[in-house]
Structure formats: structure tokens, C-alpha cells
Amino acid sequence: MSLFKVVSGKYLRFKLGLTPQQNLFYGFLTYVSMGTLLLCIPWFHKSSVAFIDNFFIATSAVSTTGLATVSVLDSYNFFGQFIILVLIQLGGIGYLTFTTFMILSTTRKMTRWHKNILKTEFTLPKTIEIKDFLKSVIFFTLAMEIIGTILYFIAFKKLELNFFDTLWNALFHSVSAFCTAGFSLFSNGFESFSDDFLVNTTTSLLAIAGSLGFIVVTDFVLSIKKKDHHLSFTTKIILVGSAVLLLFGFMFFFFFEPVIKNLTGAKRMWAAFFQSMSAMTTVGFNTVDFGAFVMPMLLVTIFLMYIGASPSGTAGGMKITTLTAVIAIMKSRLRNTQRITFFGRIIPYERLFVATSSFIFYTSLIALGTFLLSFLEDFHLEDLLFEVSSALGTVGLSTGITGDLGTWGKLVIIALMFIGRLGVLTFGLAIWAKHHNNPKNHPIRDDIAV
């Protein structure tokens, strides 16, 4: 027996012995590790880049965050930028998504191992089958990124770049926007396009499409194909929640942020909408400088990044559906009712347990991350809280301190970005969950005053 067969056999047994959460953990860790090693190759650099910065960029790309300690344009040549783009795409569509789609396209069969991992990564309502969902993920991603590339190509023609550079910029920003990654090949992001109608609308279209999630897309496709299929409760919550958060952010930025209030006409409208959209969808692009925002508007932005968008999409954050479940629990307690409902629908207890656990763990990580950075870095508290919220929410917005972080500060942000992409509960289960309960451990039933 060859050495390759022995090693591959042991590796296969190792993977099959892991829980779905652990498989996701090691899968995304593999993406980050391979990306880091590739980005460390000097042939892919325009200028020297330290290992910690390559590690940071690779993690940021896989987690579709967009925070960067070095300039992608100035530090990496075309091949380095291409590696970053591939990492963004892999992180955006999810672990094993493309591989499983290819298996379905050839054999029409999906192994239980693949199915368990995908069900763990993508939280789906019972009305949607995993096969239909996967098809929607691949086809919708390709369609939106092709449309985005065409629109960006038209918009970037005014920059008077050569054909290849214009096409590359269009493709890179299209993938980055749809995957809500926020990576840009422009030194100041989209600040030079603050009043460009086509760039603003294209970015917003791609980011909202990606952040609404593949659940919504699959639901709409099935409702068109099958007359008896109705939009799920999850889809309705996502659509209403997204609209409310977008409007909430827009109103605050439009009326109360001096940087935006100093703008006039359509430019002010676009700036208010774009910053709200960027924080809520976690796309991370900006057309104005967040470092110049007043404290209350930084807190509004942190709130939008904290909530994020919908589950099973390209966006990050705690998720709109989690917030909905927590609000439903609070409403039930205040009204002293046993059933926990929202919009007249009873929410299953297993979903409520997941939502409350996610809410507590997510909030605790933001507090812990801010606490650690306050020890390691010499920045204002609001800047640290903003950076941590952006990292864990995989947003990519910053008040401008990312590049000035020390090595330990960068490692904290790297950990938060990775956890944010993996999902806080998936991370927790991958680290602490046990395969089997020990029958010898019988907890004593007791009471606690709350």
C-alpha cells in the first residue's frame, strides 16, 4: 500500500469522525491556511508584506470581512489579487457548497456527510430542500456576479484604464460586493464614487441580493415553479426586518450625521442610504469617511453591524431572525403569555434556544474582544468597539485604525473575523460539544431565582 493511500485513508477517517461543526471549523481553517501560504509567496507581491498581514488578509477574505492592514492594490500584483478573489468567493458561497453541487450535477446523490455539514452551515426552514437550495446558491451567485461585472465595467470605463484593468476591477468588485466582502482595488474604497449613480446602485443591488440570503431566493424560485408553495415565515421576517433596518439607518444618517448633512441634494440621499446599506448588509464599502462620524452615529453603525442581515446568505452579523426571536421572547414575558409568537406565528422552542444562545455568545464576544483590544491598543474605546463589531460581524468598515494595530491586536481581530464567518454557535459547538453524553453524569434538578 502506497504512502498516499495510507495518509488519505487516515485523513478520511479523521474527517468522518468529526462533528459537522468541527468539519466546518477545519474546512474554513484550511481555506485560511492555504490562502495565507499562497499570499506569502514573494512572486505575488508588489512590495514586501509581513506574514501577519498575509494571515490577516487571507482570514479577512475567507470571512468576507474586508478589513485590511495593508493596501491590496499596492501590496499584491494581479496573481495575489486573484488569490484574494478566490478566497472571497469560497468564503461567500460556503464550505463544500460548490463541491456538493458538482456531485449533484454528476451523480444526483448527496452523501449523508455532505448533507449534515451543509445543514449545519445553512440554517433552512423545513419548507426548503437542501438540493433546491444548493442550485439557487450557485446559479444566483453566478447570475448576480455576471450582471455586476457588466454594470461595473460600464461605470469604470470613465477611469480611462485599459480594457483588461477595467474588466478586472469590474469582476473583482462585483464578487466582493455580492459576497459582502468589501475588498476594493481603489486606495480610498468607493469614496471617489460618492455621487456616481451607477456605482452606488450596482453595489447596493449586489450587496442587498447577497445579504438577503439564498433562503429568500430559493423561496421565490419555488413559489414561481410550484403553485402550492408559499413564501416561508423566515423569508417574510427577513424582508420586513431588512427594510426596517435600512430605513432606520438612513433616517439617522440623513438627519443627524454632520458629514452627510454637509452634502446637498442627491449626494446627501445616496450617502445616507449607502452607509446604512453597507453596515446592515455587512458589505463594508463606504463612500464617506466613518472616522469623521460623531459618536451617536458610530453607535448607530455599530448597532446595524451587530444585527447584520439574514441567515444562509453572504452577510454576517448576529442575524435579523435572531433579533426577531429575542424580541418575541421579551414580548412574551412582558405580556405574561406562555406562547412565544411573532406576526401571529408561534416560534418553535428549539429555534428560540438557538437564538438566545447566539445572542448571548455573540454579545459576549464583542465585549471580550473590546476588552482585549483595550489592553493591547492605545485607541479610543469607540474606535475599538467599532473595529470589534466590524470584525465579528464580518463587515469591514473601520474608523481607520486597522493598519495601525499591533501584532497581538491583529490576532484578536483575525480570531473574531474567523468566528464571525464560521458562526458563533458553530464555533462554540466545534470547540466544546461532546459526541456522547456520559450516562454517569445525572444533573440534579433545582431552581434559580431570576
Protein backbone atom coordinates (compact mmCIF):
# COMPACT_ATOMS: atom_id res chain seq x y z
CA MET A 1 0.00 0.00 0.00
CA SER A 2 1.38 3.40 -1.01
CA LEU A 3 2.08 6.18 1.47
CA PHE A 4 -0.50 8.39 -0.28
CA LYS A 5 -3.27 5.83 0.24
CA VAL A 6 -2.35 5.41 3.91
CA VAL A 7 -2.35 9.17 4.54
CA SER A 8 -5.56 9.77 2.56
CA GLY A 9 -7.27 6.90 4.37
CA LYS A 10 -6.35 8.27 7.79
CA TYR A 11 -7.45 11.76 6.73
CA LEU A 12 -10.81 10.43 5.54
CA ARG A 13 -11.37 8.58 8.82
CA PHE A 14 -10.39 11.74 10.69
CA LYS A 15 -12.99 13.82 8.80
CA LEU A 16 -15.73 11.23 9.20
CA GLY A 17 -15.05 11.12 12.94
CA LEU A 18 -15.64 14.85 13.34
CA THR A 19 -18.95 16.53 14.10
CA PRO A 20 -20.42 18.73 11.33
CA GLN A 21 -19.39 21.81 13.31
CA GLN A 22 -15.82 20.57 13.60
CA ASN A 23 -15.75 19.80 9.88
CA LEU A 24 -16.77 23.39 9.14
CA PHE A 25 -14.15 24.68 11.58
CA TYR A 26 -11.32 22.71 9.98
CA GLY A 27 -12.67 23.37 6.48
CA PHE A 28 -12.56 27.15 6.80
CA LEU A 29 -9.27 26.90 8.71
CA THR A 30 -7.88 25.01 5.68
CA TYR A 31 -9.06 27.79 3.35
CA VAL A 32 -7.35 30.41 5.54
CA SER A 33 -4.14 28.37 5.88
CA MET A 34 -3.82 27.70 2.15
CA GLY A 35 -4.62 31.33 1.36
CA THR A 36 -2.01 32.57 3.82
CA LEU A 37 0.69 30.29 2.41
CA LEU A 38 -0.08 31.37 -1.17
CA LEU A 39 -0.11 35.07 -0.26
CA CYS A 40 3.29 34.65 1.42
CA ILE A 41 4.90 33.77 -1.94
CA PRO A 42 7.02 36.81 -2.93
CA TRP A 43 6.11 36.40 -6.63
CA PHE A 44 2.59 37.56 -5.80
CA HIS A 45 3.74 40.80 -4.14
CA LYS A 46 4.33 44.31 -5.42
CA SER A 47 6.06 45.16 -2.15
CA SER A 48 7.14 43.14 0.85
CA VAL A 49 4.26 42.01 3.10
CA ALA A 50 4.76 40.59 6.60
CA PHE A 51 3.40 37.15 7.48
CA ILE A 52 0.89 38.54 9.99
CA ASP A 53 -0.54 40.83 7.28
CA ASN A 54 -0.85 37.97 4.78
CA PHE A 55 -2.57 35.95 7.51
CA PHE A 56 -4.88 38.89 8.24
CA ILE A 57 -5.78 39.44 4.56
CA ALA A 58 -6.42 35.71 3.96
CA THR A 59 -8.71 35.49 7.00
CA SER A 60 -10.48 38.70 6.04
CA ALA A 61 -11.07 37.36 2.51
CA VAL A 62 -12.35 33.92 3.57
CA SER A 63 -14.58 35.51 6.20
CA THR A 64 -15.74 38.07 3.58
CA THR A 65 -14.98 40.88 6.02
CA GLY A 66 -12.84 43.36 4.08
CA LEU A 67 -10.73 44.75 6.91
CA ALA A 68 -7.16 45.16 5.64
CA THR A 69 -3.89 46.02 7.36
CA VAL A 70 -2.18 46.70 4.00
CA SER A 71 -3.41 48.06 0.68
CA VAL A 72 -4.46 45.22 -1.64
CA LEU A 73 -3.73 47.37 -4.68
CA ASP A 74 -0.26 48.47 -3.55
CA SER A 75 0.85 45.22 -1.90
CA TYR A 76 -0.27 42.45 -4.30
CA ASN A 77 0.09 42.05 -8.04
CA PHE A 78 -2.60 40.52 -10.28
CA PHE A 79 -1.89 36.96 -9.11
CA GLY A 80 -2.04 37.95 -5.45
CA GLN A 81 -5.28 39.82 -6.07
CA PHE A 82 -6.64 36.75 -7.89
CA ILE A 83 -5.90 34.55 -4.85
CA ILE A 84 -7.76 37.04 -2.65
CA LEU A 85 -10.71 36.97 -5.07
CA VAL A 86 -10.84 33.16 -4.99
CA LEU A 87 -10.78 33.21 -1.18
CA ILE A 88 -13.63 35.73 -1.16
CA GLN A 89 -15.69 33.54 -3.50
CA LEU A 90 -15.06 30.40 -1.45
CA GLY A 91 -15.94 32.18 1.76
CA GLY A 92 -19.02 33.77 0.22
CA ILE A 93 -20.73 30.64 -1.09
CA GLY A 94 -19.70 28.49 1.86
CA TYR A 95 -17.68 25.40 2.64
CA LEU A 96 -18.36 22.40 0.35
CA THR A 97 -21.17 24.24 -1.47
CA PHE A 98 -19.58 24.14 -4.93
CA THR A 99 -18.17 20.63 -4.40
CA THR A 100 -21.55 19.25 -3.38
CA PHE A 101 -23.22 20.99 -6.31
CA MET A 102 -20.80 19.27 -8.70
CA ILE A 103 -21.57 15.92 -7.05
CA LEU A 104 -25.30 16.51 -7.51
CA SER A 105 -24.73 17.53 -11.14
CA THR A 106 -22.92 14.27 -11.94
CA THR A 107 -24.32 11.55 -9.67
CA ARG A 108 -27.57 13.12 -8.41
CA LYS A 109 -26.65 11.72 -4.98
CA MET A 110 -25.51 13.52 -1.87
CA THR A 111 -23.78 11.67 0.95
CA ARG A 112 -25.11 11.99 4.47
CA TRP A 113 -21.76 13.54 5.45
CA HIS A 114 -22.20 16.36 2.91
CA LYS A 115 -25.83 16.83 3.87
CA ASN A 116 -25.09 17.11 7.61
CA ILE A 117 -22.36 19.70 7.06
CA LEU A 118 -24.48 21.81 4.71
CA LYS A 119 -27.47 21.69 7.07
CA THR A 120 -25.18 22.87 9.86
CA GLU A 121 -23.74 25.75 7.82
CA PHE A 122 -27.04 26.84 6.24
CA THR A 123 -30.00 27.12 8.59
CA LEU A 124 -33.02 26.33 6.43
CA PRO A 125 -36.76 26.30 7.13
CA LYS A 126 -38.46 22.91 6.74
CA THR A 127 -40.20 24.07 3.53
CA ILE A 128 -36.90 24.17 1.58
CA GLU A 129 -34.92 21.11 0.46
CA ILE A 130 -31.12 21.24 0.52
CA LYS A 131 -30.89 20.26 -3.18
CA ASP A 132 -33.11 23.14 -4.30
CA PHE A 133 -31.18 25.44 -2.03
CA LEU A 134 -27.78 24.48 -3.48
CA LYS A 135 -28.94 25.07 -7.04
CA SER A 136 -30.18 28.52 -6.07
CA VAL A 137 -26.86 29.33 -4.40
CA ILE A 138 -24.73 28.51 -7.46
CA PHE A 139 -26.96 29.88 -10.22
CA PHE A 140 -27.97 33.03 -8.35
CA THR A 141 -24.35 33.76 -7.40
CA LEU A 142 -23.15 33.41 -10.99
CA ALA A 143 -26.03 35.45 -12.39
CA MET A 144 -25.62 38.34 -9.94
CA GLU A 145 -21.82 38.46 -10.29
CA ILE A 146 -22.03 38.49 -14.11
CA ILE A 147 -24.61 41.29 -14.02
CA GLY A 148 -22.48 43.18 -11.51
CA THR A 149 -19.35 42.80 -13.65
CA ILE A 150 -21.13 44.23 -16.70
CA LEU A 151 -22.52 47.22 -14.77
CA TYR A 152 -19.21 47.95 -13.04
CA PHE A 153 -17.39 47.68 -16.37
CA ILE A 154 -19.64 50.41 -17.79
CA ALA A 155 -19.14 52.54 -14.67
CA PHE A 156 -15.34 52.15 -14.57
CA LYS A 157 -14.82 53.00 -18.25
CA LYS A 158 -14.68 56.66 -17.26
CA LEU A 159 -11.47 55.93 -15.32
CA GLU A 160 -9.71 55.53 -18.69
CA LEU A 161 -7.96 52.30 -17.75
CA ASN A 162 -7.04 49.72 -20.40
CA PHE A 163 -9.60 47.03 -21.23
CA PHE A 164 -8.06 44.31 -19.03
CA ASP A 165 -7.70 46.56 -15.96
CA THR A 166 -11.26 47.82 -16.36
CA LEU A 167 -12.59 44.26 -16.66
CA TRP A 168 -10.51 43.04 -13.71
CA ASN A 169 -11.70 45.90 -11.50
CA ALA A 170 -15.29 45.21 -12.54
CA LEU A 171 -15.06 41.47 -11.80
CA PHE A 172 -13.19 41.92 -8.52
CA HIS A 173 -15.64 44.49 -7.15
CA SER A 174 -18.65 42.50 -8.36
CA VAL A 175 -17.59 39.36 -6.47
CA SER A 176 -16.54 41.44 -3.47
CA ALA A 177 -19.88 43.27 -3.36
CA PHE A 178 -22.11 40.23 -3.81
CA CYS A 179 -20.15 38.23 -1.22
CA THR A 180 -20.39 41.31 1.04
CA ALA A 181 -16.60 41.26 1.38
CA GLY A 182 -15.85 44.96 0.99
CA PHE A 183 -12.40 44.47 -0.55
CA SER A 184 -11.53 47.16 -3.06
CA LEU A 185 -8.75 47.80 -5.58
CA PHE A 186 -9.10 51.55 -5.05
CA SER A 187 -6.94 53.17 -2.39
CA ASN A 188 -9.87 55.06 -0.83
CA GLY A 189 -12.58 52.48 -1.42
CA PHE A 190 -15.63 54.00 -3.09
CA GLU A 191 -15.20 57.49 -1.64
CA SER A 192 -14.40 58.81 -5.13
CA PHE A 193 -17.75 57.45 -6.35
CA SER A 194 -19.95 59.03 -3.67
CA ASP A 195 -22.18 60.71 -6.29
CA ASP A 196 -21.83 58.08 -9.04
CA PHE A 197 -25.33 56.72 -9.62
CA LEU A 198 -24.26 53.54 -11.42
CA VAL A 199 -21.59 52.53 -8.87
CA ASN A 200 -23.94 53.22 -5.94
CA THR A 201 -26.87 51.32 -7.43
CA THR A 202 -24.75 48.38 -8.61
CA THR A 203 -23.06 47.99 -5.23
CA SER A 204 -26.37 48.28 -3.39
CA LEU A 205 -28.06 45.78 -5.71
CA LEU A 206 -25.31 43.19 -5.27
CA ALA A 207 -24.92 43.67 -1.52
CA ILE A 208 -28.65 43.54 -0.79
CA ALA A 209 -29.06 40.49 -3.06
CA GLY A 210 -26.26 38.68 -1.24
CA SER A 211 -27.33 39.74 2.24
CA LEU A 212 -31.00 38.81 1.82
CA GLY A 213 -29.72 35.27 1.62
CA PHE A 214 -30.26 32.24 -0.51
CA ILE A 215 -33.30 31.24 1.55
CA VAL A 216 -35.22 34.20 0.12
CA VAL A 217 -34.03 33.45 -3.42
CA THR A 218 -34.91 29.76 -3.16
CA ASP A 219 -38.30 30.62 -1.68
CA PHE A 220 -39.15 32.98 -4.54
CA VAL A 221 -37.96 30.49 -7.18
CA LEU A 222 -40.06 27.69 -5.65
CA SER A 223 -43.12 29.94 -5.39
CA ILE A 224 -42.82 30.63 -9.14
CA LYS A 225 -42.21 26.98 -10.10
CA LYS A 226 -44.75 25.44 -7.70
CA LYS A 227 -48.20 26.98 -7.36
CA ASP A 228 -48.76 25.40 -3.94
CA HIS A 229 -45.54 26.81 -2.49
CA HIS A 230 -45.91 29.90 -0.30
CA LEU A 231 -43.23 32.22 0.99
CA SER A 232 -41.92 30.97 4.30
CA PHE A 233 -42.26 32.81 7.58
CA THR A 234 -38.46 33.16 7.59
CA THR A 235 -38.50 34.97 4.22
CA LYS A 236 -41.19 37.39 5.39
CA ILE A 237 -39.22 38.19 8.56
CA ILE A 238 -36.04 38.77 6.53
CA LEU A 239 -37.74 41.10 4.04
CA VAL A 240 -39.53 43.17 6.69
CA GLY A 241 -36.52 43.27 9.01
CA SER A 242 -34.13 44.33 6.25
CA ALA A 243 -36.43 47.14 5.14
CA VAL A 244 -36.88 48.42 8.71
CA LEU A 245 -33.13 48.40 9.44
CA LEU A 246 -32.28 50.11 6.15
CA LEU A 247 -34.83 52.84 6.82
CA PHE A 248 -33.68 53.18 10.44
CA GLY A 249 -30.06 53.75 9.42
CA PHE A 250 -30.97 56.03 6.52
CA MET A 251 -33.08 58.36 8.69
CA PHE A 252 -30.38 58.70 11.37
CA PHE A 253 -27.55 59.30 8.90
CA PHE A 254 -29.57 61.72 6.78
CA PHE A 255 -30.76 63.92 9.64
CA PHE A 256 -28.10 63.65 12.34
CA GLU A 257 -24.64 62.93 10.83
CA PRO A 258 -22.81 66.25 10.13
CA VAL A 259 -20.53 64.68 7.48
CA ILE A 260 -23.60 63.69 5.46
CA LYS A 261 -25.67 66.77 6.35
CA ASN A 262 -22.98 68.96 4.76
CA LEU A 263 -23.70 67.28 1.42
CA THR A 264 -26.50 68.54 -0.78
CA GLY A 265 -29.25 67.10 -2.95
CA ALA A 266 -28.96 63.58 -4.31
CA LYS A 267 -25.42 63.22 -2.95
CA ARG A 268 -26.75 63.52 0.61
CA MET A 269 -29.52 60.99 -0.09
CA TRP A 270 -27.09 58.50 -1.60
CA ALA A 271 -24.55 58.93 1.19
CA ALA A 272 -27.16 58.30 3.91
CA PHE A 273 -28.62 55.27 2.13
CA PHE A 274 -25.26 53.78 1.12
CA GLN A 275 -23.72 53.90 4.62
CA SER A 276 -26.87 52.38 6.13
CA MET A 277 -26.93 49.69 3.45
CA SER A 278 -23.22 48.98 3.87
CA ALA A 279 -23.46 48.46 7.63
CA MET A 280 -26.69 46.43 7.54
CA THR A 281 -25.71 44.13 4.65
CA THR A 282 -22.16 43.92 6.11
CA VAL A 283 -20.71 44.67 2.65
CA GLY A 284 -18.22 47.09 4.20
CA PHE A 285 -17.85 49.59 1.34
CA ASN A 286 -18.06 53.27 2.23
CA THR A 287 -18.46 56.48 0.25
CA VAL A 288 -17.71 58.78 3.21
CA ASP A 289 -15.13 58.58 6.00
CA PHE A 290 -16.55 56.78 9.05
CA GLY A 291 -13.60 58.06 11.06
CA ALA A 292 -15.17 61.52 10.90
CA PHE A 293 -18.58 60.41 12.21
CA VAL A 294 -19.87 61.76 15.51
CA MET A 295 -20.23 59.35 18.43
CA PRO A 296 -24.02 58.78 18.22
CA MET A 297 -23.77 57.85 14.53
CA LEU A 298 -20.90 55.48 15.24
CA LEU A 299 -23.19 53.75 17.74
CA VAL A 300 -25.97 53.56 15.13
CA THR A 301 -23.49 51.98 12.72
CA ILE A 302 -22.33 49.53 15.41
CA PHE A 303 -25.95 48.55 16.02
CA LEU A 304 -26.52 47.87 12.31
CA MET A 305 -23.30 45.84 12.08
CA TYR A 306 -24.25 43.98 15.26
CA ILE A 307 -27.61 42.86 13.84
CA GLY A 308 -26.38 42.22 10.29
CA ALA A 309 -28.61 40.64 7.66
CA SER A 310 -30.25 37.27 7.09
CA PRO A 311 -29.07 33.69 7.75
CA SER A 312 -27.81 31.42 4.97
CA GLY A 313 -26.55 34.33 2.87
CA THR A 314 -23.25 36.05 2.26
CA ALA A 315 -23.67 38.61 5.04
CA GLY A 316 -22.56 38.41 8.66
CA GLY A 317 -23.79 39.81 11.95
CA MET A 318 -25.98 38.27 14.63
CA LYS A 319 -28.82 37.98 12.02
CA ILE A 320 -32.25 39.58 11.74
CA THR A 321 -34.01 36.33 12.59
CA THR A 322 -32.07 36.03 15.85
CA LEU A 323 -33.12 39.55 16.84
CA THR A 324 -36.71 38.69 15.92
CA ALA A 325 -36.70 35.64 18.18
CA VAL A 326 -35.19 37.59 21.10
CA ILE A 327 -37.81 40.36 20.68
CA ALA A 328 -40.55 37.71 20.60
CA ILE A 329 -39.28 36.22 23.87
CA MET A 330 -39.17 39.66 25.52
CA LYS A 331 -42.67 40.50 24.27
CA SER A 332 -43.99 37.20 25.58
CA ARG A 333 -42.51 37.79 29.03
CA LEU A 334 -43.83 41.36 29.23
CA ARG A 335 -47.32 40.18 28.28
CA ASN A 336 -47.03 37.17 30.61
CA THR A 337 -48.01 34.70 27.88
CA GLN A 338 -46.77 31.13 27.55
CA ARG A 339 -46.68 31.02 23.75
CA ILE A 340 -43.90 32.95 22.08
CA THR A 341 -45.18 34.45 18.84
CA PHE A 342 -44.20 36.97 16.18
CA PHE A 343 -46.53 38.25 13.45
CA GLY A 344 -49.13 35.84 14.77
CA ARG A 345 -46.90 32.78 14.33
CA ILE A 346 -45.64 30.53 17.13
CA ILE A 347 -41.84 30.20 17.10
CA PRO A 348 -40.59 26.66 17.91
CA TYR A 349 -38.71 26.35 21.20
CA GLU A 350 -35.64 24.80 19.54
CA ARG A 351 -35.26 27.93 17.41
CA LEU A 352 -35.66 30.12 20.49
CA PHE A 353 -32.90 28.21 22.33
CA VAL A 354 -30.57 28.71 19.35
CA ALA A 355 -31.46 32.41 19.10
CA THR A 356 -30.92 33.20 22.78
CA SER A 357 -27.66 31.23 22.87
CA SER A 358 -26.43 33.04 19.77
CA PHE A 359 -27.47 36.43 21.19
CA ILE A 360 -25.64 35.87 24.48
CA PHE A 361 -22.50 34.34 22.93
CA TYR A 362 -22.29 36.98 20.18
CA THR A 363 -22.67 39.87 22.64
CA SER A 364 -20.14 38.29 25.00
CA LEU A 365 -17.57 38.01 22.19
CA ILE A 366 -17.97 41.69 21.32
CA ALA A 367 -17.44 42.60 24.97
CA LEU A 368 -14.45 40.25 25.29
CA GLY A 369 -12.87 41.44 22.03
CA THR A 370 -13.22 45.09 23.03
CA PHE A 371 -11.81 44.30 26.47
CA LEU A 372 -8.75 42.56 25.00
CA LEU A 373 -8.06 45.33 22.46
CA SER A 374 -8.32 47.97 25.18
CA PHE A 375 -5.37 46.25 26.89
CA LEU A 376 -3.37 45.79 23.70
CA GLU A 377 -4.01 49.01 21.79
CA ASP A 378 -3.97 52.72 22.56
CA PHE A 379 -7.12 53.91 20.78
CA HIS A 380 -10.40 55.45 21.90
CA LEU A 381 -12.98 52.99 23.21
CA GLU A 382 -15.45 53.82 20.45
CA ASP A 383 -12.83 53.02 17.79
CA LEU A 384 -12.05 49.66 19.42
CA LEU A 385 -15.73 48.76 19.81
CA PHE A 386 -16.36 49.73 16.17
CA GLU A 387 -13.44 47.59 14.98
CA VAL A 388 -14.51 44.57 17.02
CA SER A 389 -18.14 44.85 15.88
CA SER A 390 -16.98 45.14 12.28
CA ALA A 391 -14.70 42.10 12.59
CA LEU A 392 -17.17 39.77 14.32
CA GLY A 393 -19.97 40.94 12.02
CA THR A 394 -17.66 40.38 9.01
CA VAL A 395 -18.44 43.94 7.86
CA GLY A 396 -15.12 45.56 7.04
CA LEU A 397 -15.92 49.15 8.00
CA SER A 398 -13.34 50.93 10.14
CA THR A 399 -12.65 54.30 11.68
CA GLY A 400 -9.13 53.98 10.27
CA ILE A 401 -7.22 52.08 12.98
CA THR A 402 -6.86 48.66 11.28
CA GLY A 403 -3.47 49.29 9.71
CA ASP A 404 -2.09 50.68 12.99
CA LEU A 405 -2.94 47.65 15.11
CA GLY A 406 -0.05 45.78 16.72
CA THR A 407 0.60 42.08 16.13
CA TRP A 408 -1.49 40.92 19.10
CA GLY A 409 -4.29 43.31 18.18
CA LYS A 410 -4.31 41.89 14.65
CA LEU A 411 -4.51 38.36 16.04
CA VAL A 412 -7.56 39.31 18.10
CA ILE A 413 -9.27 40.73 15.01
CA ILE A 414 -8.26 37.66 12.97
CA ALA A 415 -9.89 35.39 15.56
CA LEU A 416 -13.06 37.48 15.58
CA MET A 417 -13.32 37.52 11.77
CA PHE A 418 -12.91 33.75 11.64
CA ILE A 419 -15.51 33.16 14.35
CA GLY A 420 -17.86 35.61 12.63
CA ARG A 421 -17.68 33.70 9.34
CA LEU A 422 -18.00 30.31 10.99
CA GLY A 423 -20.88 31.46 13.19
CA VAL A 424 -20.60 31.91 16.94
CA LEU A 425 -22.63 28.81 17.82
CA THR A 426 -20.90 26.65 15.21
CA PHE A 427 -17.58 27.78 16.65
CA GLY A 428 -18.71 27.02 20.19
CA LEU A 429 -20.03 23.57 19.26
CA ALA A 430 -16.86 22.78 17.31
CA ILE A 431 -14.71 23.57 20.34
CA TRP A 432 -16.77 22.38 23.31
CA ALA A 433 -19.51 19.99 22.18
CA LYS A 434 -19.17 16.34 23.15
CA HIS A 435 -20.04 13.46 20.87
CA HIS A 436 -21.84 11.46 23.55
CA ASN A 437 -23.37 12.26 26.88
CA ASN A 438 -21.88 10.45 29.82
CA PRO A 439 -24.69 8.37 31.44
CA LYS A 440 -22.89 8.59 34.79
CA ASN A 441 -23.44 12.34 34.95
CA HIS A 442 -27.01 12.90 36.13
CA PRO A 443 -27.59 16.62 36.86
CA ILE A 444 -29.61 17.44 39.95
CA ARG A 445 -32.86 19.26 39.25
CA ASP A 446 -33.01 22.54 41.19
CA ASP A 447 -34.34 26.09 40.97
CA ILE A 448 -32.90 29.57 40.50
CA ALA A 449 -34.42 32.96 41.20
CA VAL A 450 -34.46 35.22 38.10
